[in-house]
Amino acid sequence: MQPVATTARDEDRATSTIVQTLDIIGDRWTLLILRSAFRGVRRFSEIQRDLDIAKNLLADRLSRLVDNDILEKVQYQDRPARYEYHLTAKGRDLSPALVAFMHWGDRWCAGGDAPTTLVHDACGSALEHSVRCPSCKTEVDPTHIRSRENT
């Protein structure tokens, strides 16, 4: 029996955190469920109504998010047992990615005419999304970002 040849794509799949992330959250419905969770929509029926998603798809995506510790299933009623879905710390860490998607969509899909604005709840100021260098404290343009392997 000959060994199975591995391709660069196979190696990327095993080592690329972007590929691994997309395997967990990379479909439309999962991202929309996360958006709902960040907006405080937590119950199955509320998420289903908010997104107009088929119940079987919603159940599948919620299970995947719970299995990957992105959402936590919390019982809020005994008879019958009913649950809410709360973001975990791992799930809350997805906020900057969703904000980036939103800002990109505002610019390129809505012609710069954002339908909503994200604001700081304490002062009401519109939020910005940027990448800053922790050393020199400057905002870094995407053309000046490079990768290096960690060893």
N, C-alpha and C. Protein backbone atom coordinates (compact mmCIF):
# COMPACT_ATOMS: atom_id res chain seq x y z
N MET A 1 0.85 -1.18 0.00
CA MET A 1 0.00 0.00 0.00
C MET A 1 0.89 1.24 0.00
N GLN A 2 0.58 2.18 -0.88
CA GLN A 2 1.37 3.40 -0.96
C GLN A 2 0.87 4.44 0.02
N PRO A 3 1.77 5.26 0.56
CA PRO A 3 1.33 6.31 1.48
C PRO A 3 0.50 7.34 0.72
N VAL A 4 -0.44 7.92 1.44
CA VAL A 4 -1.28 8.96 0.85
C VAL A 4 -0.47 10.25 0.79
N ALA A 5 -0.42 10.84 -0.37
CA ALA A 5 0.31 12.09 -0.53
C ALA A 5 -0.49 13.23 0.10
N THR A 6 0.20 14.09 0.80
CA THR A 6 -0.46 15.27 1.35
C THR A 6 -0.15 16.46 0.46
N THR A 7 -1.12 17.32 0.33
CA THR A 7 -0.95 18.51 -0.49
C THR A 7 -0.77 19.71 0.42
N ALA A 8 -0.35 20.81 -0.18
CA ALA A 8 -0.23 22.06 0.59
C ALA A 8 -1.59 22.43 1.18
N ARG A 9 -2.65 22.13 0.45
CA ARG A 9 -3.98 22.44 0.94
C ARG A 9 -4.31 21.62 2.19
N ASP A 10 -3.92 20.33 2.20
CA ASP A 10 -4.12 19.50 3.39
C ASP A 10 -3.35 20.06 4.58
N GLU A 11 -2.12 20.47 4.33
CA GLU A 11 -1.31 21.04 5.41
C GLU A 11 -1.91 22.35 5.89
N ASP A 12 -2.38 23.18 4.97
CA ASP A 12 -3.04 24.43 5.36
C ASP A 12 -4.24 24.15 6.24
N ARG A 13 -5.01 23.15 5.87
CA ARG A 13 -6.22 22.82 6.62
C ARG A 13 -5.85 22.44 8.06
N ALA A 14 -4.75 21.74 8.23
CA ALA A 14 -4.33 21.30 9.56
C ALA A 14 -3.73 22.42 10.38
N THR A 15 -3.09 23.40 9.74
CA THR A 15 -2.35 24.41 10.49
C THR A 15 -2.96 25.81 10.42
N SER A 16 -3.77 26.10 9.44
CA SER A 16 -4.31 27.44 9.29
C SER A 16 -5.44 27.68 10.28
N THR A 17 -5.26 28.66 11.14
CA THR A 17 -6.33 28.97 12.09
C THR A 17 -7.52 29.61 11.39
N ILE A 18 -7.29 30.24 10.25
CA ILE A 18 -8.42 30.80 9.49
C ILE A 18 -9.29 29.65 8.98
N VAL A 19 -8.67 28.62 8.42
CA VAL A 19 -9.43 27.47 7.93
C VAL A 19 -10.16 26.80 9.09
N GLN A 20 -9.49 26.62 10.21
CA GLN A 20 -10.12 25.98 11.36
C GLN A 20 -11.30 26.81 11.88
N THR A 21 -11.15 28.13 11.88
CA THR A 21 -12.23 29.01 12.31
C THR A 21 -13.42 28.90 11.37
N LEU A 22 -13.14 28.91 10.06
CA LEU A 22 -14.23 28.80 9.09
C LEU A 22 -14.96 27.47 9.20
N ASP A 23 -14.24 26.41 9.58
CA ASP A 23 -14.89 25.12 9.79
C ASP A 23 -15.94 25.19 10.90
N ILE A 24 -15.74 26.09 11.85
CA ILE A 24 -16.66 26.21 12.98
C ILE A 24 -17.74 27.26 12.72
N ILE A 25 -17.36 28.43 12.24
CA ILE A 25 -18.33 29.54 12.14
C ILE A 25 -18.50 30.09 10.73
N GLY A 26 -18.00 29.39 9.73
CA GLY A 26 -17.92 29.97 8.39
C GLY A 26 -19.14 29.89 7.51
N ASP A 27 -20.30 29.61 8.04
CA ASP A 27 -21.47 29.64 7.16
C ASP A 27 -22.40 30.78 7.55
N ARG A 28 -23.22 31.17 6.62
CA ARG A 28 -24.11 32.33 6.77
C ARG A 28 -24.95 32.26 8.04
N TRP A 29 -25.62 31.12 8.25
CA TRP A 29 -26.54 31.03 9.39
C TRP A 29 -25.82 31.13 10.72
N THR A 30 -24.64 30.55 10.83
CA THR A 30 -23.90 30.61 12.08
C THR A 30 -23.53 32.06 12.41
N LEU A 31 -23.07 32.79 11.41
CA LEU A 31 -22.73 34.19 11.64
C LEU A 31 -23.96 35.01 12.02
N LEU A 32 -25.09 34.74 11.41
CA LEU A 32 -26.31 35.47 11.75
C LEU A 32 -26.81 35.11 13.16
N ILE A 33 -26.65 33.85 13.55
CA ILE A 33 -27.00 33.44 14.92
C ILE A 33 -26.11 34.18 15.92
N LEU A 34 -24.84 34.28 15.61
CA LEU A 34 -23.93 35.02 16.49
C LEU A 34 -24.32 36.50 16.56
N ARG A 35 -24.67 37.08 15.42
CA ARG A 35 -25.12 38.48 15.42
C ARG A 35 -26.32 38.63 16.34
N SER A 36 -27.28 37.71 16.27
CA SER A 36 -28.45 37.76 17.15
C SER A 36 -28.04 37.65 18.61
N ALA A 37 -27.11 36.74 18.90
CA ALA A 37 -26.65 36.57 20.28
C ALA A 37 -26.02 37.86 20.81
N PHE A 38 -25.23 38.53 19.99
CA PHE A 38 -24.63 39.79 20.42
C PHE A 38 -25.68 40.87 20.62
N ARG A 39 -26.81 40.76 19.94
CA ARG A 39 -27.89 41.72 20.11
C ARG A 39 -28.81 41.35 21.27
N GLY A 40 -28.49 40.25 21.98
CA GLY A 40 -29.27 39.88 23.16
C GLY A 40 -30.41 38.92 22.88
N VAL A 41 -30.50 38.38 21.68
CA VAL A 41 -31.54 37.40 21.35
C VAL A 41 -31.00 36.04 21.78
N ARG A 42 -31.67 35.38 22.75
CA ARG A 42 -31.08 34.20 23.38
C ARG A 42 -31.92 32.93 23.31
N ARG A 43 -33.21 33.06 23.12
CA ARG A 43 -34.08 31.88 23.15
C ARG A 43 -34.30 31.33 21.74
N PHE A 44 -34.43 30.00 21.66
CA PHE A 44 -34.57 29.33 20.37
C PHE A 44 -35.66 29.98 19.53
N SER A 45 -36.85 30.15 20.11
CA SER A 45 -37.99 30.69 19.35
C SER A 45 -37.72 32.13 18.91
N GLU A 46 -37.03 32.90 19.75
CA GLU A 46 -36.71 34.29 19.39
C GLU A 46 -35.68 34.35 18.27
N ILE A 47 -34.67 33.48 18.33
CA ILE A 47 -33.66 33.44 17.27
C ILE A 47 -34.32 33.00 15.97
N GLN A 48 -35.17 31.97 16.05
CA GLN A 48 -35.85 31.45 14.86
C GLN A 48 -36.69 32.55 14.22
N ARG A 49 -37.42 33.29 15.02
CA ARG A 49 -38.25 34.38 14.52
C ARG A 49 -37.39 35.54 13.99
N ASP A 50 -36.31 35.86 14.70
CA ASP A 50 -35.43 36.96 14.31
C ASP A 50 -34.80 36.72 12.94
N LEU A 51 -34.42 35.46 12.67
CA LEU A 51 -33.70 35.15 11.45
C LEU A 51 -34.57 34.50 10.37
N ASP A 52 -35.77 34.08 10.74
CA ASP A 52 -36.63 33.33 9.82
C ASP A 52 -35.88 32.13 9.25
N ILE A 53 -35.26 31.38 10.15
CA ILE A 53 -34.46 30.21 9.81
C ILE A 53 -35.26 28.95 10.11
N ALA A 54 -35.08 27.91 9.32
CA ALA A 54 -35.75 26.64 9.57
C ALA A 54 -35.28 26.09 10.92
N LYS A 55 -36.20 25.48 11.65
CA LYS A 55 -35.89 24.97 12.99
C LYS A 55 -34.78 23.94 12.98
N ASN A 56 -34.76 23.05 11.97
CA ASN A 56 -33.72 22.03 11.93
C ASN A 56 -32.34 22.65 11.70
N LEU A 57 -32.26 23.69 10.85
CA LEU A 57 -30.98 24.39 10.64
C LEU A 57 -30.53 25.10 11.91
N LEU A 58 -31.47 25.75 12.56
CA LEU A 58 -31.14 26.47 13.79
C LEU A 58 -30.65 25.49 14.86
N ALA A 59 -31.34 24.38 15.03
CA ALA A 59 -30.93 23.39 16.02
C ALA A 59 -29.53 22.87 15.72
N ASP A 60 -29.24 22.60 14.46
CA ASP A 60 -27.93 22.12 14.07
C ASP A 60 -26.84 23.15 14.37
N ARG A 61 -27.06 24.40 13.98
CA ARG A 61 -26.05 25.44 14.18
C ARG A 61 -25.85 25.74 15.67
N LEU A 62 -26.94 25.76 16.43
CA LEU A 62 -26.81 26.00 17.87
C LEU A 62 -26.02 24.87 18.54
N SER A 63 -26.29 23.63 18.13
CA SER A 63 -25.54 22.49 18.68
C SER A 63 -24.06 22.62 18.38
N ARG A 64 -23.73 23.01 17.16
CA ARG A 64 -22.32 23.16 16.79
C ARG A 64 -21.67 24.26 17.62
N LEU A 65 -22.37 25.37 17.82
CA LEU A 65 -21.81 26.47 18.62
C LEU A 65 -21.65 26.07 20.08
N VAL A 66 -22.58 25.30 20.61
CA VAL A 66 -22.46 24.81 21.99
C VAL A 66 -21.31 23.80 22.08
N ASP A 67 -21.25 22.87 21.12
CA ASP A 67 -20.18 21.86 21.13
C ASP A 67 -18.79 22.49 21.05
N ASN A 68 -18.70 23.65 20.43
CA ASN A 68 -17.41 24.34 20.28
C ASN A 68 -17.20 25.42 21.34
N ASP A 69 -18.03 25.41 22.38
CA ASP A 69 -17.91 26.33 23.53
C ASP A 69 -17.98 27.80 23.12
N ILE A 70 -18.76 28.10 22.10
CA ILE A 70 -18.97 29.48 21.67
C ILE A 70 -20.25 30.02 22.31
N LEU A 71 -21.24 29.14 22.42
CA LEU A 71 -22.46 29.45 23.15
C LEU A 71 -22.60 28.43 24.28
N GLU A 72 -23.28 28.86 25.33
CA GLU A 72 -23.56 28.00 26.48
C GLU A 72 -25.08 27.86 26.57
N LYS A 73 -25.54 26.65 26.74
CA LYS A 73 -26.97 26.37 26.87
C LYS A 73 -27.35 26.47 28.34
N VAL A 74 -28.24 27.42 28.66
CA VAL A 74 -28.62 27.69 30.05
C VAL A 74 -30.13 27.49 30.20
N GLN A 75 -30.51 26.60 31.10
CA GLN A 75 -31.93 26.33 31.31
C GLN A 75 -32.57 27.50 32.05
N TYR A 76 -33.72 27.96 31.54
CA TYR A 76 -34.44 29.05 32.20
C TYR A 76 -35.84 28.62 32.64
N GLN A 77 -36.27 27.40 32.28
CA GLN A 77 -37.59 26.92 32.65
C GLN A 77 -37.52 25.40 32.83
N ASP A 78 -38.27 24.89 33.84
CA ASP A 78 -38.23 23.45 34.13
C ASP A 78 -39.24 22.64 33.32
N ARG A 79 -40.50 23.02 33.35
CA ARG A 79 -41.56 22.21 32.74
C ARG A 79 -42.32 23.01 31.71
N PRO A 80 -42.12 22.78 30.47
CA PRO A 80 -41.10 21.91 29.89
C PRO A 80 -39.73 22.59 29.98
N ALA A 81 -38.69 21.78 29.87
CA ALA A 81 -37.34 22.32 29.92
C ALA A 81 -37.12 23.24 28.72
N ARG A 82 -36.71 24.46 28.99
CA ARG A 82 -36.43 25.42 27.93
C ARG A 82 -35.09 26.08 28.23
N TYR A 83 -34.42 26.47 27.16
CA TYR A 83 -33.04 26.95 27.29
C TYR A 83 -32.83 28.28 26.58
N GLU A 84 -31.85 29.00 27.08
CA GLU A 84 -31.33 30.18 26.41
C GLU A 84 -29.90 29.86 25.98
N TYR A 85 -29.41 30.61 25.03
CA TYR A 85 -28.05 30.43 24.53
C TYR A 85 -27.28 31.70 24.82
N HIS A 86 -26.27 31.58 25.68
CA HIS A 86 -25.46 32.72 26.09
C HIS A 86 -24.07 32.61 25.48
N LEU A 87 -23.52 33.73 25.08
CA LEU A 87 -22.15 33.76 24.58
C LEU A 87 -21.18 33.43 25.70
N THR A 88 -20.22 32.59 25.41
CA THR A 88 -19.14 32.30 26.36
C THR A 88 -18.03 33.33 26.11
N ALA A 89 -16.98 33.27 26.89
CA ALA A 89 -15.83 34.15 26.65
C ALA A 89 -15.28 33.90 25.24
N LYS A 90 -15.23 32.64 24.85
CA LYS A 90 -14.77 32.30 23.50
C LYS A 90 -15.68 32.91 22.44
N GLY A 91 -16.97 32.90 22.70
CA GLY A 91 -17.92 33.51 21.77
C GLY A 91 -17.81 35.02 21.74
N ARG A 92 -17.65 35.64 22.91
CA ARG A 92 -17.51 37.11 22.96
C ARG A 92 -16.26 37.57 22.23
N ASP A 93 -15.23 36.72 22.20
CA ASP A 93 -14.01 37.07 21.47
C ASP A 93 -14.23 37.19 19.96
N LEU A 94 -15.37 36.74 19.47
CA LEU A 94 -15.70 36.88 18.04
C LEU A 94 -16.23 38.27 17.69
N SER A 95 -16.50 39.09 18.69
CA SER A 95 -17.05 40.41 18.44
C SER A 95 -16.25 41.24 17.44
N PRO A 96 -14.93 41.37 17.59
CA PRO A 96 -14.19 42.18 16.62
C PRO A 96 -14.32 41.67 15.18
N ALA A 97 -14.42 40.36 15.01
CA ALA A 97 -14.58 39.82 13.65
C ALA A 97 -15.93 40.21 13.07
N LEU A 98 -16.99 40.12 13.87
CA LEU A 98 -18.31 40.50 13.38
C LEU A 98 -18.39 42.00 13.11
N VAL A 99 -17.74 42.79 13.96
CA VAL A 99 -17.69 44.24 13.73
C VAL A 99 -16.97 44.53 12.41
N ALA A 100 -15.88 43.81 12.15
CA ALA A 100 -15.15 44.00 10.89
C ALA A 100 -16.02 43.65 9.70
N PHE A 101 -16.76 42.53 9.78
CA PHE A 101 -17.68 42.17 8.69
C PHE A 101 -18.72 43.26 8.48
N MET A 102 -19.25 43.78 9.58
CA MET A 102 -20.27 44.82 9.49
C MET A 102 -19.72 46.08 8.83
N HIS A 103 -18.55 46.52 9.26
CA HIS A 103 -17.96 47.73 8.69
C HIS A 103 -17.65 47.54 7.20
N TRP A 104 -17.17 46.35 6.84
CA TRP A 104 -16.89 46.05 5.42
C TRP A 104 -18.19 46.12 4.62
N GLY A 105 -19.25 45.50 5.16
CA GLY A 105 -20.55 45.53 4.48
C GLY A 105 -21.11 46.94 4.37
N ASP A 106 -20.92 47.75 5.42
CA ASP A 106 -21.38 49.14 5.37
C ASP A 106 -20.72 49.88 4.22
N ARG A 107 -19.43 49.63 4.03
CA ARG A 107 -18.69 50.35 2.99
C ARG A 107 -18.97 49.80 1.59
N TRP A 108 -18.94 48.48 1.44
CA TRP A 108 -18.95 47.89 0.11
C TRP A 108 -20.30 47.33 -0.33
N CYS A 109 -21.20 47.08 0.60
CA CYS A 109 -22.52 46.56 0.22
C CYS A 109 -23.62 47.61 0.37
N ALA A 110 -23.40 48.55 1.28
CA ALA A 110 -24.41 49.59 1.51
C ALA A 110 -23.94 50.93 0.97
N GLY A 111 -22.89 50.92 0.16
CA GLY A 111 -22.41 52.16 -0.45
C GLY A 111 -21.96 53.20 0.56
N GLY A 112 -21.48 52.76 1.70
CA GLY A 112 -21.02 53.70 2.72
C GLY A 112 -22.15 54.27 3.56
N ASP A 113 -23.37 53.83 3.29
CA ASP A 113 -24.56 54.30 3.99
C ASP A 113 -24.96 53.26 5.03
N ALA A 114 -24.30 53.24 6.16
CA ALA A 114 -24.53 52.23 7.18
C ALA A 114 -25.97 52.26 7.68
N PRO A 115 -26.65 51.11 7.70
CA PRO A 115 -28.02 51.08 8.22
C PRO A 115 -28.09 51.23 9.74
N THR A 116 -27.01 50.85 10.44
CA THR A 116 -26.93 51.02 11.89
C THR A 116 -25.52 51.46 12.26
N THR A 117 -25.39 52.02 13.43
CA THR A 117 -24.10 52.45 13.94
C THR A 117 -23.87 51.79 15.29
N LEU A 118 -22.71 51.22 15.47
CA LEU A 118 -22.35 50.66 16.78
C LEU A 118 -21.83 51.79 17.65
N VAL A 119 -22.36 51.87 18.88
CA VAL A 119 -21.97 52.94 19.79
C VAL A 119 -21.55 52.37 21.14
N HIS A 120 -20.72 53.12 21.85
CA HIS A 120 -20.32 52.78 23.22
C HIS A 120 -21.52 53.07 24.12
N ASP A 121 -21.98 52.06 24.87
CA ASP A 121 -23.18 52.25 25.68
C ASP A 121 -23.01 53.29 26.78
N ALA A 122 -21.79 53.51 27.25
CA ALA A 122 -21.56 54.46 28.34
C ALA A 122 -21.63 55.92 27.90
N CYS A 123 -21.15 56.22 26.68
CA CYS A 123 -21.11 57.63 26.27
C CYS A 123 -21.83 57.91 24.95
N GLY A 124 -22.21 56.86 24.21
CA GLY A 124 -22.96 57.05 22.98
C GLY A 124 -22.12 57.35 21.75
N SER A 125 -20.80 57.38 21.88
CA SER A 125 -19.94 57.66 20.74
C SER A 125 -19.88 56.48 19.79
N ALA A 126 -19.83 56.79 18.49
CA ALA A 126 -19.70 55.75 17.46
C ALA A 126 -18.35 55.05 17.62
N LEU A 127 -18.36 53.74 17.47
CA LEU A 127 -17.14 52.95 17.62
C LEU A 127 -16.37 52.89 16.32
N GLU A 128 -15.06 52.79 16.45
CA GLU A 128 -14.17 52.58 15.32
C GLU A 128 -13.59 51.18 15.42
N HIS A 129 -13.17 50.66 14.30
CA HIS A 129 -12.53 49.34 14.30
C HIS A 129 -11.19 49.51 13.61
N SER A 130 -10.12 49.17 14.33
CA SER A 130 -8.80 49.35 13.73
C SER A 130 -7.82 48.33 14.31
N VAL A 131 -6.69 48.23 13.62
CA VAL A 131 -5.60 47.39 14.11
C VAL A 131 -4.47 48.33 14.50
N ARG A 132 -4.04 48.23 15.75
CA ARG A 132 -2.99 49.10 16.26
C ARG A 132 -1.77 48.28 16.65
N CYS A 133 -0.61 48.86 16.44
CA CYS A 133 0.64 48.26 16.89
C CYS A 133 0.78 48.56 18.38
N PRO A 134 0.95 47.55 19.21
CA PRO A 134 1.07 47.81 20.65
C PRO A 134 2.39 48.49 21.02
N SER A 135 3.37 48.41 20.13
CA SER A 135 4.67 48.99 20.42
C SER A 135 4.71 50.48 20.11
N CYS A 136 4.35 50.84 18.87
CA CYS A 136 4.45 52.26 18.49
C CYS A 136 3.09 52.98 18.54
N LYS A 137 2.03 52.24 18.88
CA LYS A 137 0.70 52.82 19.10
C LYS A 137 0.08 53.45 17.85
N THR A 138 0.53 53.08 16.67
CA THR A 138 -0.05 53.64 15.45
C THR A 138 -1.04 52.66 14.84
N GLU A 139 -2.01 53.20 14.12
CA GLU A 139 -2.94 52.37 13.38
C GLU A 139 -2.19 51.79 12.18
N VAL A 140 -2.37 50.49 11.95
CA VAL A 140 -1.62 49.81 10.90
C VAL A 140 -2.53 49.54 9.71
N ASP A 141 -2.13 50.05 8.56
CA ASP A 141 -2.84 49.81 7.31
C ASP A 141 -2.66 48.34 6.91
N PRO A 142 -3.68 47.72 6.32
CA PRO A 142 -3.55 46.30 5.94
C PRO A 142 -2.35 46.00 5.03
N THR A 143 -1.90 46.96 4.26
CA THR A 143 -0.75 46.72 3.38
C THR A 143 0.56 46.65 4.16
N HIS A 144 0.52 46.97 5.44
CA HIS A 144 1.73 46.93 6.26
C HIS A 144 1.68 45.82 7.31
N ILE A 145 0.79 44.87 7.11
CA ILE A 145 0.70 43.71 8.01
C ILE A 145 1.41 42.54 7.35
N ARG A 146 2.25 41.87 8.10
CA ARG A 146 3.00 40.71 7.61
C ARG A 146 2.77 39.54 8.56
N SER A 147 3.08 38.36 8.10
CA SER A 147 2.99 37.14 8.93
C SER A 147 4.38 36.63 9.23
N ARG A 148 4.53 36.03 10.40
CA ARG A 148 5.75 35.30 10.70
C ARG A 148 5.34 34.08 11.51
N GLU A 149 6.02 32.99 11.25
CA GLU A 149 5.71 31.76 11.96
C GLU A 149 6.24 31.82 13.38
N ASN A 150 5.46 31.32 14.29
CA ASN A 150 5.90 31.20 15.68
C ASN A 150 6.55 29.83 15.84
N THR A 151 7.68 29.81 16.45
CA THR A 151 8.37 28.53 16.63
C THR A 151 8.44 28.16 18.09
